[in-house]
Amino acid sequence: MARHLTSRPTRICLEALALPVPQHGSGRKHTRLITLERWQVEIVERHPDRFLRGLFHSDGCRTINTVVRQVAGKSKRYEYPR
């Protein structure tokens, strides 16, 4: 017998959430300054690769982007995850 897992939308209304998760602050994301706290900077300095990967994948997109460019007169194909 197969079990089917379901997900349910969840809301958290807690002002303290803005402390560890600053992207949930007030205002529009593209107009407010987002800075890292010292403890966050320390983590990013230890794991810059993971930080960058998280930035690249933060929109939830998991596709392979394919680009073809002319390099030295030959077509070169580049693929990278997005």
Protein backbone atom coordinates (compact mmCIF):
# COMPACT_ATOMS: atom_id res chain seq x y z
CA MET A 1 0.00 0.00 0.00
CA ALA A 2 1.53 3.32 -1.10
CA ARG A 3 1.50 6.30 1.24
CA HIS A 4 0.89 9.69 -0.29
CA LEU A 5 2.51 12.63 1.40
CA THR A 6 0.85 16.00 1.18
CA SER A 7 2.02 19.47 2.01
CA ARG A 8 0.06 22.28 3.54
CA PRO A 9 0.69 26.02 3.35
CA THR A 10 2.01 27.33 6.62
CA ARG A 11 2.14 30.88 7.91
CA ILE A 12 4.34 32.15 10.67
CA CYS A 13 3.51 35.51 12.18
CA LEU A 14 6.42 36.24 14.45
CA GLU A 15 8.40 39.46 14.59
CA ALA A 16 11.50 37.58 15.75
CA LEU A 17 11.55 35.75 12.40
CA ALA A 18 13.15 38.85 10.84
CA LEU A 19 16.27 38.35 12.98
CA PRO A 20 17.63 35.06 11.57
CA VAL A 21 15.83 35.46 8.24
CA PRO A 22 16.34 39.10 7.19
CA GLN A 23 14.72 38.71 3.78
CA HIS A 24 11.38 38.66 5.61
CA GLY A 25 11.74 42.28 6.76
CA SER A 26 9.37 45.12 6.04
CA GLY A 27 9.16 46.86 2.67
CA ARG A 28 9.82 45.72 -0.86
CA LYS A 29 12.88 43.49 -1.26
CA HIS A 30 14.32 45.36 -4.21
CA THR A 31 14.22 48.73 -2.42
CA ARG A 32 15.63 47.89 0.99
CA LEU A 33 19.20 47.33 2.03
CA ILE A 34 20.02 43.77 3.02
CA THR A 35 23.17 43.43 5.11
CA LEU A 36 24.64 40.44 6.85
CA GLU A 37 25.08 40.34 10.60
CA ARG A 38 28.56 39.50 11.92
CA TRP A 39 27.61 35.87 12.64
CA GLN A 40 26.30 35.53 9.08
CA VAL A 41 29.49 37.03 7.63
CA GLU A 42 31.54 34.47 9.57
CA ILE A 43 29.52 31.63 8.05
CA VAL A 44 29.80 33.07 4.52
CA GLU A 45 33.56 33.49 4.94
CA ARG A 46 33.87 29.82 5.94
CA HIS A 47 31.57 28.56 3.16
CA PRO A 48 31.48 31.06 0.26
CA ASP A 49 30.69 28.31 -2.26
CA ARG A 50 27.56 27.27 -0.38
CA PHE A 51 26.50 30.89 0.02
CA LEU A 52 26.81 31.56 -3.71
CA ARG A 53 25.00 28.35 -4.57
CA GLY A 54 22.18 29.37 -2.28
CA LEU A 55 21.96 32.75 -4.00
CA PHE A 56 21.83 31.15 -7.42
CA HIS A 57 19.14 28.69 -6.35
CA SER A 58 17.14 31.03 -4.15
CA ASP A 59 14.36 31.41 -6.71
CA GLY A 60 13.63 27.68 -6.60
CA CYS A 61 14.53 27.15 -10.27
CA ARG A 62 16.28 23.87 -11.07
CA THR A 63 16.88 23.83 -14.81
CA ILE A 64 19.91 23.51 -17.07
CA ASN A 65 20.62 26.69 -18.98
CA THR A 66 22.22 26.07 -22.38
CA VAL A 67 24.16 28.75 -24.24
CA VAL A 68 25.88 28.44 -27.62
CA ARG A 69 28.60 30.98 -28.42
CA GLN A 70 31.15 31.39 -31.18
CA VAL A 71 34.67 31.02 -29.76
CA ALA A 72 37.65 31.21 -32.13
CA GLY A 73 35.31 30.58 -35.06
CA LYS A 74 33.76 27.43 -33.57
CA SER A 75 30.46 26.91 -31.81
CA LYS A 76 30.92 26.21 -28.12
CA ARG A 77 28.05 24.91 -26.04
CA TYR A 78 27.90 25.74 -22.33
CA GLU A 79 25.48 24.21 -19.89
CA TYR A 80 25.05 25.18 -16.29
CA PRO A 81 22.38 24.58 -13.65
CA ARG A 82 20.05 27.44 -12.86
